[in-house]
Protein backbone atom coordinates (compact mmCIF):
# COMPACT_ATOMS: atom_id res chain seq x y z
CA UNK A 1 42.51 7.10 -37.35
CA UNK A 2 45.74 5.17 -37.14
CA UNK A 3 48.96 6.88 -36.21
CA UNK A 4 50.48 6.10 -39.59
CA UNK A 5 47.67 7.85 -41.42
CA UNK A 6 47.93 10.91 -39.20
CA UNK A 7 51.68 11.02 -39.83
CA UNK A 8 51.03 10.73 -43.56
CA UNK A 9 48.90 13.88 -43.44
CA UNK A 10 51.74 15.73 -41.77
CA UNK A 11 54.16 14.48 -44.42
CA UNK A 12 51.75 15.37 -47.24
CA UNK A 13 51.47 18.86 -45.79
CA UNK A 14 55.20 19.22 -46.40
CA UNK A 15 56.25 20.28 -42.89
CA UNK A 16 55.99 19.21 -39.32
CA UNK A 17 53.80 21.34 -37.09
CA UNK A 18 55.32 24.51 -35.72
CA UNK A 19 54.12 27.09 -33.28
CA UNK A 20 53.14 29.58 -35.95
CA UNK A 21 54.23 33.08 -36.52
CA UNK A 22 52.46 34.91 -33.75
CA UNK A 23 54.41 35.58 -30.63
CA UNK A 24 51.74 35.28 -27.94
CA UNK A 25 51.09 31.67 -26.96
CA UNK A 26 47.46 30.55 -26.70
CA UNK A 27 46.35 27.96 -24.18
CA UNK A 28 46.09 24.42 -25.55
CA UNK A 29 42.69 23.31 -24.28
CA UNK A 30 40.97 21.67 -27.28
CA UNK A 31 40.65 17.95 -28.02
CA UNK A 32 39.02 15.83 -30.74
CA UNK A 33 35.43 16.29 -29.63
CA UNK A 34 35.88 20.00 -29.01
CA UNK A 35 37.15 20.14 -32.61
CA UNK A 36 34.16 18.15 -33.88
CA UNK A 37 31.79 20.46 -32.00
CA UNK A 38 33.42 23.56 -33.47
CA UNK A 39 33.73 22.04 -36.95
CA UNK A 40 30.24 20.54 -37.21
CA UNK A 41 28.80 23.53 -35.41
CA UNK A 42 30.30 25.84 -38.03
CA UNK A 43 29.00 23.80 -40.96
CA UNK A 44 25.82 22.25 -39.56
CA UNK A 45 24.38 25.59 -38.60
CA UNK A 46 21.64 27.84 -39.83
CA UNK A 47 21.89 26.38 -43.32
CA UNK A 48 20.24 23.18 -42.16
CA UNK A 49 17.32 25.22 -40.80
CA UNK A 50 16.25 27.03 -43.97
CA UNK A 51 18.21 25.93 -47.04
CA UNK A 52 16.61 22.49 -47.66
CA UNK A 53 13.31 24.25 -48.39
CA UNK A 54 14.90 27.13 -50.31
CA UNK A 55 16.91 24.78 -52.53
CA UNK A 56 13.90 22.55 -53.11
CA UNK A 57 11.85 25.57 -54.19
CA UNK A 58 14.67 26.59 -56.55
CA UNK A 59 15.52 23.27 -58.23
CA UNK A 60 12.83 20.84 -57.10
CA UNK A 61 13.90 17.25 -56.40
CA UNK A 62 17.03 17.84 -58.49
CA UNK A 63 18.32 20.01 -55.63
CA UNK A 64 19.53 16.69 -54.21
CA UNK A 65 22.23 16.79 -56.89
CA UNK A 66 23.43 20.14 -55.56
CA UNK A 67 23.50 18.77 -52.01
CA UNK A 68 25.44 15.71 -53.15
CA UNK A 69 27.94 17.74 -55.19
CA UNK A 70 28.72 20.06 -52.29
CA UNK A 71 29.04 17.13 -49.90
CA UNK A 72 31.55 15.52 -52.26
CA UNK A 73 33.44 18.83 -52.35
CA UNK A 74 33.43 18.96 -48.54
CA UNK A 75 35.81 16.01 -48.35
CA UNK A 76 38.75 17.60 -50.19
CA UNK A 77 38.00 21.02 -48.66
CA UNK A 78 38.11 19.69 -45.09
CA UNK A 79 41.23 17.62 -45.76
CA UNK A 80 42.99 20.58 -47.37
CA UNK A 81 42.22 22.90 -44.47
CA UNK A 82 43.29 20.22 -42.01
CA UNK A 83 46.60 19.80 -43.86
CA UNK A 84 47.20 23.56 -43.81
CA UNK A 85 46.44 23.67 -40.08
CA UNK A 86 48.79 20.81 -39.31
CA UNK A 87 51.49 22.24 -41.54
CA UNK A 88 51.65 25.38 -39.42
CA UNK A 89 49.18 26.00 -36.57
CA UNK A 90 48.61 29.75 -36.43
CA UNK A 91 45.89 32.05 -35.10
CA UNK A 92 45.74 33.60 -38.59
CA UNK A 93 44.46 30.28 -39.95
CA UNK A 94 43.80 30.32 -43.68
CA UNK A 95 44.93 33.96 -43.77
CA UNK A 96 48.38 32.88 -42.60
CA UNK A 97 48.50 30.19 -45.32
CA UNK A 98 47.60 32.74 -48.00
CA UNK A 99 50.26 35.09 -46.66
CA UNK A 100 52.92 32.39 -46.87
CA UNK A 101 51.85 31.53 -50.41
CA UNK A 102 51.33 34.97 -51.96
CA UNK A 103 52.78 37.49 -49.56
CA UNK A 104 51.77 39.55 -46.56
CA UNK A 105 49.32 41.83 -48.31
CA UNK A 106 47.22 39.03 -49.80
CA UNK A 107 47.03 37.39 -46.41
CA UNK A 108 45.59 40.64 -45.13
CA UNK A 109 43.11 40.77 -48.03
CA UNK A 110 41.85 37.30 -47.17
CA UNK A 111 41.43 38.26 -43.54
CA UNK A 112 39.49 41.40 -44.44
CA UNK A 113 37.25 39.46 -46.84
CA UNK A 114 36.44 36.92 -44.19
CA UNK A 115 35.76 39.53 -41.52
CA UNK A 116 33.61 41.52 -43.99
CA UNK A 117 30.94 38.81 -43.86
CA UNK A 118 30.72 38.76 -40.07
CA UNK A 119 28.18 41.62 -39.64
CA UNK A 120 25.70 40.41 -42.26
CA UNK A 121 26.33 36.76 -41.48
CA UNK A 122 25.59 37.30 -37.81
CA UNK A 123 22.37 39.13 -38.65
CA UNK A 124 21.34 36.19 -40.86
CA UNK A 125 21.90 33.78 -37.97
CA UNK A 126 19.98 36.06 -35.62
CA UNK A 127 17.00 36.30 -37.99
CA UNK A 128 16.83 32.55 -38.55
CA UNK A 129 17.16 31.85 -34.83
CA UNK A 130 14.49 34.41 -34.06
CA UNK A 131 12.11 32.89 -36.62
CA UNK A 132 12.47 29.43 -35.12
CA UNK A 133 12.17 30.66 -31.56
CA UNK A 134 9.14 32.81 -32.35
CA UNK A 135 7.47 29.91 -34.20
CA UNK A 136 7.61 27.89 -30.97
CA UNK A 137 5.71 30.53 -29.02
CA UNK A 138 3.58 32.13 -31.72
CA UNK A 139 5.45 35.43 -31.53
CA UNK A 140 5.71 38.15 -34.13
CA UNK A 141 8.50 40.35 -35.50
CA UNK A 142 9.32 41.83 -32.09
CA UNK A 143 9.92 38.37 -30.63
CA UNK A 144 11.99 37.39 -33.69
CA UNK A 145 14.23 40.42 -33.14
CA UNK A 146 14.43 39.98 -29.36
CA UNK A 147 15.35 36.30 -29.49
CA UNK A 148 17.90 36.83 -32.24
CA UNK A 149 19.62 39.68 -30.43
CA UNK A 150 19.60 37.71 -27.18
CA UNK A 151 21.37 34.80 -28.84
CA UNK A 152 24.07 37.08 -30.24
CA UNK A 153 24.64 38.65 -26.83
CA UNK A 154 24.92 35.17 -25.28
CA UNK A 155 27.50 34.06 -27.84
CA UNK A 156 29.72 37.08 -27.33
CA UNK A 157 29.41 36.86 -23.55
CA UNK A 158 30.49 33.20 -23.47
CA UNK A 159 33.44 33.87 -25.72
CA UNK A 160 34.46 36.87 -23.64
CA UNK A 161 34.52 34.60 -20.58
CA UNK A 162 36.91 32.21 -22.37
CA UNK A 163 37.10 29.61 -25.14
CA UNK A 164 37.01 26.60 -22.81
CA UNK A 165 33.66 27.61 -21.39
CA UNK A 166 32.11 28.30 -24.80
CA UNK A 167 33.59 25.16 -26.39
CA UNK A 168 32.16 22.95 -23.64
CA UNK A 169 28.79 24.63 -23.96
CA UNK A 170 28.92 24.04 -27.70
CA UNK A 171 29.85 20.38 -27.29
CA UNK A 172 26.84 19.70 -25.07
CA UNK A 173 24.45 21.72 -27.24
CA UNK A 174 25.64 20.07 -30.44
CA UNK A 175 25.15 16.58 -29.02
CA UNK A 176 21.58 17.33 -27.98
CA UNK A 177 20.60 19.09 -31.21
CA UNK A 178 22.26 16.57 -33.55
CA UNK A 179 20.43 13.77 -31.77
CA UNK A 180 17.14 15.64 -32.04
CA UNK A 181 17.68 16.36 -35.72
CA UNK A 182 18.47 12.71 -36.39
CA UNK A 183 15.24 11.72 -34.64
CA UNK A 184 13.19 14.17 -36.73
CA UNK A 185 14.71 12.88 -39.95
CA UNK A 186 14.26 9.28 -38.80
CA UNK A 187 10.55 9.84 -38.14
CA UNK A 188 10.10 11.67 -41.43
CA UNK A 189 11.77 9.17 -43.76
CA UNK A 190 8.98 6.56 -43.52
CA UNK A 191 6.57 9.29 -44.69
CA UNK A 192 8.60 10.05 -47.82
CA UNK A 193 6.48 9.68 -50.96
CA UNK A 194 8.32 8.42 -54.08
CA UNK A 195 6.15 10.48 -56.43
CA UNK A 196 7.36 13.64 -54.65
CA UNK A 197 10.61 13.21 -56.58
CA UNK A 198 8.96 13.36 -60.00
CA UNK A 199 9.48 15.10 -62.28
CA UNK A 200 13.05 15.16 -61.01
CA UNK A 201 14.13 18.22 -63.02
CA UNK A 202 10.90 20.09 -62.34
CA UNK A 203 12.65 23.49 -62.55
CA UNK A 204 15.07 22.49 -65.31
CA UNK A 205 18.69 21.25 -65.12
CA UNK A 206 20.14 24.78 -64.95
CA UNK A 207 18.36 25.37 -61.64
CA UNK A 208 20.70 22.85 -59.99
CA UNK A 209 23.59 25.29 -60.40
CA UNK A 210 21.61 28.11 -58.82
CA UNK A 211 20.66 25.83 -55.92
CA UNK A 212 24.32 24.96 -55.44
CA UNK A 213 25.17 28.65 -55.07
CA UNK A 214 22.40 29.05 -52.48
CA UNK A 215 23.55 25.96 -50.62
CA UNK A 216 27.13 27.18 -50.35
CA UNK A 217 26.10 28.92 -47.13
CA UNK A 218 25.28 25.52 -45.67
CA UNK A 219 28.80 24.24 -46.35
CA UNK A 220 30.80 27.21 -45.13
CA UNK A 221 32.73 26.38 -41.99
CA UNK A 222 35.52 24.01 -42.95
CA UNK A 223 37.96 26.90 -42.56
CA UNK A 224 36.71 27.85 -39.08
CA UNK A 225 39.05 25.47 -37.29
CA UNK A 226 42.23 26.95 -38.77
CA UNK A 227 42.49 30.04 -36.53
CA UNK A 228 42.14 27.73 -33.50
CA UNK A 229 44.89 25.28 -34.52
CA UNK A 230 47.33 26.50 -31.86
CA UNK A 231 44.76 25.77 -29.14
CA UNK A 232 44.61 22.00 -29.79
CA UNK A 233 46.46 19.85 -27.27
CA UNK A 234 47.52 17.54 -30.10
CA UNK A 235 47.71 18.93 -33.67
CA UNK A 236 46.73 15.49 -35.01
CA UNK A 237 43.31 15.96 -33.41
CA UNK A 238 42.57 18.46 -36.20
CA UNK A 239 42.76 15.55 -38.68
CA UNK A 240 40.52 13.33 -36.57
CA UNK A 241 38.01 16.14 -36.08
CA UNK A 242 37.77 16.92 -39.79
CA UNK A 243 37.14 13.31 -40.85
CA UNK A 244 34.47 12.76 -38.20
CA UNK A 245 32.81 16.07 -39.04
CA UNK A 246 32.52 15.37 -42.78
CA UNK A 247 30.78 12.06 -42.00
CA UNK A 248 28.35 13.60 -39.52
CA UNK A 249 27.46 16.52 -41.76
CA UNK A 250 26.95 14.25 -44.78
CA UNK A 251 24.51 11.93 -43.04
CA UNK A 252 22.43 14.73 -41.52
CA UNK A 253 22.31 16.99 -44.61
CA UNK A 254 21.35 14.31 -47.12
CA UNK A 255 18.82 12.74 -44.77
CA UNK A 256 17.15 16.08 -44.14
CA UNK A 257 17.12 17.06 -47.83
CA UNK A 258 15.43 13.78 -48.77
CA UNK A 259 12.91 14.17 -45.96
CA UNK A 260 11.99 17.76 -46.84
CA UNK A 261 11.47 16.95 -50.52
CA UNK A 262 9.81 13.57 -49.94
CA UNK A 263 7.26 14.94 -47.47
CA UNK A 264 6.77 18.17 -49.44
CA UNK A 265 7.75 20.27 -46.43
CA UNK A 266 8.45 23.21 -48.73
CA UNK A 267 6.83 25.10 -51.56
CA UNK A 268 4.03 26.95 -49.83
CA UNK A 269 6.50 28.29 -47.31
CA UNK A 270 8.83 29.50 -49.99
CA UNK A 271 11.56 28.91 -47.48
CA UNK A 272 10.28 31.91 -45.51
CA UNK A 273 9.09 29.98 -42.47
CA UNK A 274 10.96 27.33 -40.56
CA UNK A 275 10.85 24.21 -42.80
CA UNK A 276 11.77 21.88 -39.94
CA UNK A 277 8.69 23.08 -38.06
CA UNK A 278 6.56 22.26 -41.09
CA UNK A 279 8.28 18.88 -41.44
CA UNK A 280 7.67 18.02 -37.79
CA UNK A 281 4.01 19.03 -38.03
CA UNK A 282 3.47 16.77 -41.03
CA UNK A 283 4.93 13.67 -39.41
CA UNK A 284 4.25 14.24 -35.70
CA UNK A 285 1.42 16.75 -35.39
CA UNK A 286 1.18 20.39 -34.37
CA UNK A 287 2.57 19.86 -30.86
CA UNK A 288 5.93 18.99 -32.37
CA UNK A 289 6.30 22.52 -33.76
CA UNK A 290 7.06 23.95 -30.32
CA UNK A 291 9.83 21.45 -29.66
CA UNK A 292 11.34 21.89 -33.12
CA UNK A 293 11.15 25.67 -32.89
CA UNK A 294 13.10 25.65 -29.65
CA UNK A 295 15.58 23.14 -31.09
CA UNK A 296 16.10 25.33 -34.16
CA UNK A 297 16.72 28.33 -31.95
CA UNK A 298 19.33 26.43 -29.94
CA UNK A 299 20.97 25.02 -33.07
CA UNK A 300 21.59 28.58 -34.26
CA UNK A 301 23.84 29.07 -31.25
CA UNK A 302 26.34 26.50 -32.56
CA UNK A 303 27.60 28.31 -35.69
CA UNK A 304 27.35 31.66 -33.96
CA UNK A 305 29.54 30.51 -31.08
CA UNK A 306 32.09 28.86 -33.38
CA UNK A 307 32.43 31.91 -35.60
CA UNK A 308 32.79 34.32 -32.72
CA UNK A 309 35.64 32.14 -31.47
CA UNK A 310 37.29 31.85 -34.88
CA UNK A 311 36.79 35.37 -36.22
CA UNK A 312 37.88 37.06 -32.99
CA UNK A 313 41.16 35.13 -33.15
CA UNK A 314 41.52 36.03 -36.81
CA UNK A 315 41.00 39.70 -35.96
CA UNK A 316 43.58 39.35 -33.18
CA UNK A 317 46.09 37.82 -35.61
CA UNK A 318 45.54 40.54 -38.20
CA UNK A 319 46.01 43.19 -35.53
CA UNK A 320 49.20 41.52 -34.33
CA UNK A 321 50.53 41.59 -37.89
CA UNK A 322 49.57 45.23 -38.43
CA UNK A 323 46.97 44.35 -41.06
CA UNK A 324 44.38 45.83 -38.72
CA UNK A 325 45.00 48.33 -35.89
CA UNK A 326 47.58 46.85 -33.54
CA UNK A 327 45.36 47.61 -30.56
CA UNK A 328 43.38 44.52 -31.60
CA UNK A 329 46.43 42.25 -31.59
CA UNK A 330 46.65 41.87 -27.82
CA UNK A 331 45.76 38.61 -26.04
CA UNK A 332 44.48 38.66 -22.46
CA UNK A 333 46.61 36.82 -19.87
CA UNK A 334 44.23 33.84 -19.94
CA UNK A 335 44.57 33.47 -23.73
CA UNK A 336 41.31 35.17 -24.72
CA UNK A 337 41.40 37.94 -27.39
CA UNK A 338 38.98 40.17 -25.50
CA UNK A 339 39.75 43.36 -27.43
CA UNK A 340 38.90 41.65 -30.72
CA UNK A 341 35.72 40.16 -29.23
CA UNK A 342 34.58 43.58 -28.02
CA UNK A 343 35.37 45.22 -31.38
CA UNK A 344 33.47 42.55 -33.33
CA UNK A 345 30.58 42.78 -30.90
CA UNK A 346 30.25 46.53 -31.47
CA UNK A 347 30.33 46.12 -35.25
CA UNK A 348 27.77 43.33 -35.16
CA UNK A 349 25.55 45.37 -32.85
CA UNK A 350 25.55 48.22 -35.34
CA UNK A 351 24.67 45.80 -38.15
CA UNK A 352 21.76 44.39 -36.15
CA UNK A 353 20.37 47.88 -35.53
CA UNK A 354 20.73 48.82 -39.20
CA UNK A 355 19.10 45.60 -40.43
CA UNK A 356 16.12 46.04 -38.12
CA UNK A 357 15.77 49.72 -39.02
CA UNK A 358 15.82 48.99 -42.77
CA UNK A 359 13.77 45.77 -42.48
CA UNK A 360 16.51 43.81 -44.25
CA UNK A 361 15.75 40.15 -44.86
CA UNK A 362 17.71 37.01 -45.63
CA UNK A 363 17.54 37.68 -49.38
CA UNK A 364 19.25 41.04 -48.85
CA UNK A 365 21.97 39.88 -46.45
CA UNK A 366 22.88 36.34 -47.47
CA UNK A 367 24.49 37.19 -50.85
CA UNK A 368 26.97 39.61 -49.23
CA UNK A 369 28.18 36.97 -46.79
CA UNK A 370 28.23 34.14 -49.31
CA UNK A 371 30.28 36.08 -51.86
CA UNK A 372 32.91 36.94 -49.24
CA UNK A 373 33.10 33.31 -48.17
CA UNK A 374 33.55 32.08 -51.72
CA UNK A 375 36.35 34.59 -52.34
CA UNK A 376 38.26 33.49 -49.24
CA UNK A 377 37.83 29.85 -50.23
CA UNK A 378 39.30 30.55 -53.67
CA UNK A 379 42.32 32.29 -52.13
CA UNK A 380 42.73 29.53 -49.52
CA UNK A 381 42.67 26.73 -52.06
CA UNK A 382 45.05 28.61 -54.36
CA UNK A 383 47.45 28.94 -51.42
CA UNK A 384 47.07 25.25 -50.64
CA UNK A 385 47.98 24.34 -54.23
CA UNK A 386 51.18 26.31 -53.80
CA UNK A 387 52.07 25.12 -50.27
CA UNK A 388 51.08 21.46 -50.08
CA UNK A 389 52.81 18.46 -51.58
CA UNK A 390 52.03 14.82 -52.13
CA UNK A 391 48.56 13.25 -52.51
CA UNK A 392 46.83 16.02 -50.55
CA UNK A 393 47.77 18.42 -53.36
CA UNK A 394 45.15 16.76 -55.59
CA UNK A 395 42.47 17.53 -53.02
CA UNK A 396 43.55 21.18 -53.08
CA UNK A 397 43.44 21.30 -56.90
CA UNK A 398 39.94 19.82 -57.04
CA UNK A 399 38.75 22.23 -54.35
CA UNK A 400 40.24 25.24 -56.14
CA UNK A 401 38.58 24.35 -59.45
CA UNK A 402 35.19 23.86 -57.78
CA UNK A 403 35.38 27.10 -55.80
CA UNK A 404 36.35 29.13 -58.87
CA UNK A 405 33.35 27.66 -60.68
CA UNK A 406 31.03 28.75 -57.87
CA UNK A 407 32.62 32.23 -57.77
CA UNK A 408 31.52 32.80 -61.38
CA UNK A 409 27.89 32.82 -60.22
CA UNK A 410 28.15 35.71 -57.72
CA UNK A 411 27.51 38.25 -60.50
CA UNK A 412 27.61 41.94 -59.53
CA UNK A 413 28.87 41.08 -56.07
CA UNK A 414 32.30 40.73 -57.65
CA UNK A 415 32.31 44.51 -57.10
CA UNK A 416 31.79 44.00 -53.35
CA UNK A 417 34.69 41.54 -53.25
CA UNK A 418 36.91 43.94 -55.21
CA UNK A 419 35.96 46.85 -52.96
CA UNK A 420 36.84 45.03 -49.73
CA UNK A 421 40.10 43.83 -51.29
CA UNK A 422 41.01 47.36 -52.38
CA UNK A 423 40.34 48.71 -48.87
CA UNK A 424 42.53 45.99 -47.36
CA UNK A 425 45.40 46.75 -49.72
CA UNK A 426 45.05 50.50 -49.16
CA UNK A 427 45.06 50.13 -45.35
CA UNK A 428 48.14 47.94 -45.41
CA UNK A 429 49.92 50.37 -47.73
CA UNK A 430 49.12 53.34 -45.49
CA UNK A 431 50.04 51.37 -42.38
CA UNK A 432 53.40 50.37 -43.84
CA UNK A 433 54.06 53.95 -44.94
CA UNK A 434 53.19 55.26 -41.48
CA UNK A 435 55.51 52.73 -39.86
CA UNK A 436 58.33 53.77 -42.16
CA UNK A 437 57.82 57.43 -41.30
CA UNK A 438 57.91 56.68 -37.57
CA UNK A 439 61.24 54.88 -37.97
CA UNK A 440 62.89 57.87 -39.62
CA UNK A 441 65.14 59.87 -37.25
């Protein structure tokens, strides 16, 4: 990107970058490719492993329309989040933007909503990773659980060591896995059968909307970079990272969706087994399943690592602001929010135990995470409409309208969103009241 274009984004955001509102300075260690790794790793995660088959089972070949629509939406979403990050880099990320737009309490609500999806979302990642890993070695439920838990422990351990270590590990892993995924899709495309796309609306036009709701999980992640904005050496690298990431995600997602539908690597699986394993078997033979299973397991590490990094810093920022216990708002001398990482790790560990004890599956867990994500996106885009100026404002308006439309499909889970929001408001009210009492002589 040219310097003039990068400057234009800063101007469209309405402000020049500042240090943010938090008082403890984070180390600036991230560059463009670290940003791409974290961005693409957040978006190109577990969704790519299971959702092509699930969406194809839901809407048939017409699920390609849902993929395309969400990819088109990704452009304005990524640009809007990049503009908010450049406008004011802050560890609170989108939560800080919502706070500036609508007040302190709504910033806290957004942070709580986003953190509310971490336990179930992490379990989803662990289950998908375990399924892929177990498929490579012919293991059963015990291996699925063991591999998934092991991956979660690895992610939290790397982040506890420090962001630079985990970001470098993610950069290397992402490069290997993205290359492997591109090779799988490249081998599969010549085997695509045109008649596999007919009838195009095999499940009816209305099924496309349902598929789009399911696929939203695959496109969550554009906000993940915002809590890390202060850790970029050059704030303009956020802009470069977002543009590169949208292009990479678009090519890989559409290519894979076409390959899965065109080779009929879905249907009988019902999305319950690893569709990439089935795809590899159909184009390269049974030996390929082991390689793809291992690759799928490793790919699951990318979103997990990125979200541990982002959500721990969000928890730190909320603690620093008093929107969570202030004990969490302490940064270690090396710039790592270790207290927040430990707290999240304990919560996630409890969720893993509960999910295994109750035999919870993806169908039970995914809606809780997706609804929380959609709610935070609606609040983020509403804040962007209020804060941004210039041409980028149109991107925010388009994103807000699209996210509100998707929110209408969450159904009864509106109650879950309302419940988390009410708890966030109640905690902040009690916290403020307690602080006022302590100040009295």
